[in-house]
Amino acid sequence: MIPSFKILALTFLFTVGIFAQVYSDSDLTVIKSKFSYAVSANLESESVTDIVADIGKTFIGTEYLAHGIEKEGEEQLVINLSGLDCNTFVENALALARLIKMGKSSFKDYQDEMQKIRYRDGVISHYPSRLHYFTDWIYDNEKKGIVNDVTELLGGKPVHFHVNFMSTHPEGYLQLKEYPELIEEIKKQEVEIGKRNYFYIPKKRVGFIEKQIDNGDIIAFTSDIPGLDVNHVGIAVRMEDNRIHLLHAPNVGYKVQITKDPLSVYINKVKKDTGIIVLKPLDPTEKNLSGY
């Protein structure tokens, strides 16, 4: 008997959603190739965290692309797989892993999942509906039952993030330059983020909790840059040395890769990083308390 996911993958559908969107034929080809790989590697039988790591590795060699989902005009779901930044890399690996686990493989399924992950309550309305600050992304995707912030369980220390980078640097954001009236709404979101309680593992403690990080966990690097919460995000991968390394899209001029150094060594070489937040992707086939 052929598993349902394999049947779906063999009849891959490029259904177009009803919301405004941007994608190319090459994006369709990339997504089809990811689902085909999932069938050949029988990824559906793995845990969702292992799928995140395995499907994430298929992006190795993809160019880093800054501002790849920024477009003029009304907010819309932008798919751009010709290049990825750290956030879009993580979002794509997570969305694909969840779909593979659920046995879904149409392009419409992929678009819907990306929208659900990328936007507040999964709804596109305007630019501020996108989850720009990663701690806001964490808060919203925990509510939706997509990830679980396990940092406190790992011995994390309490922290508040007083974010204001976007509202104080609007010139760096295409939409805020085009529609300055949106800055006030961004400010309100920044205030809300500042009221929340978060936890982080200080960088000098990362080595002590490394064994408790699972292959496929999402790692967010907290920042000492004024007004920011998180500098960078990536995926934890356990390598042949039995150490956790980072699978990530590093920066302009680099490609998606796995760090040579283990996570605890890597983070202590980056001055602006103060520590990490650890997120566990949740199995979409299991019931959770979010009600989403």
Foldseek 3Di string as FASTA:
>chain_A
DDDLLVVCLVVAAADDDPFDEADDPVLVVVLSVLSVVCVVVVVLPDALLQQLQVSLVVQFPQAADPPQLADPDWDHYYDDRSHHAFVVSSLQSLLSSQCSNVSHRYSVSSSQSSLCQQAQNSDGDGDVRGQDAVLSSVVRCVLVQFKDFCQVVLVFDKDFAQADVCLVPVVVGPVCVVPVVCSVVVVVVSVVSRVDIDTFDFLQCCVVSFLVADRRKKKFFAFPPPRGGTDGIFTWHQDPVRATWTQGNDDHPDGGDTDPDGPSVVQVVDVGTGGITIMGGDRPVDDDDSPD
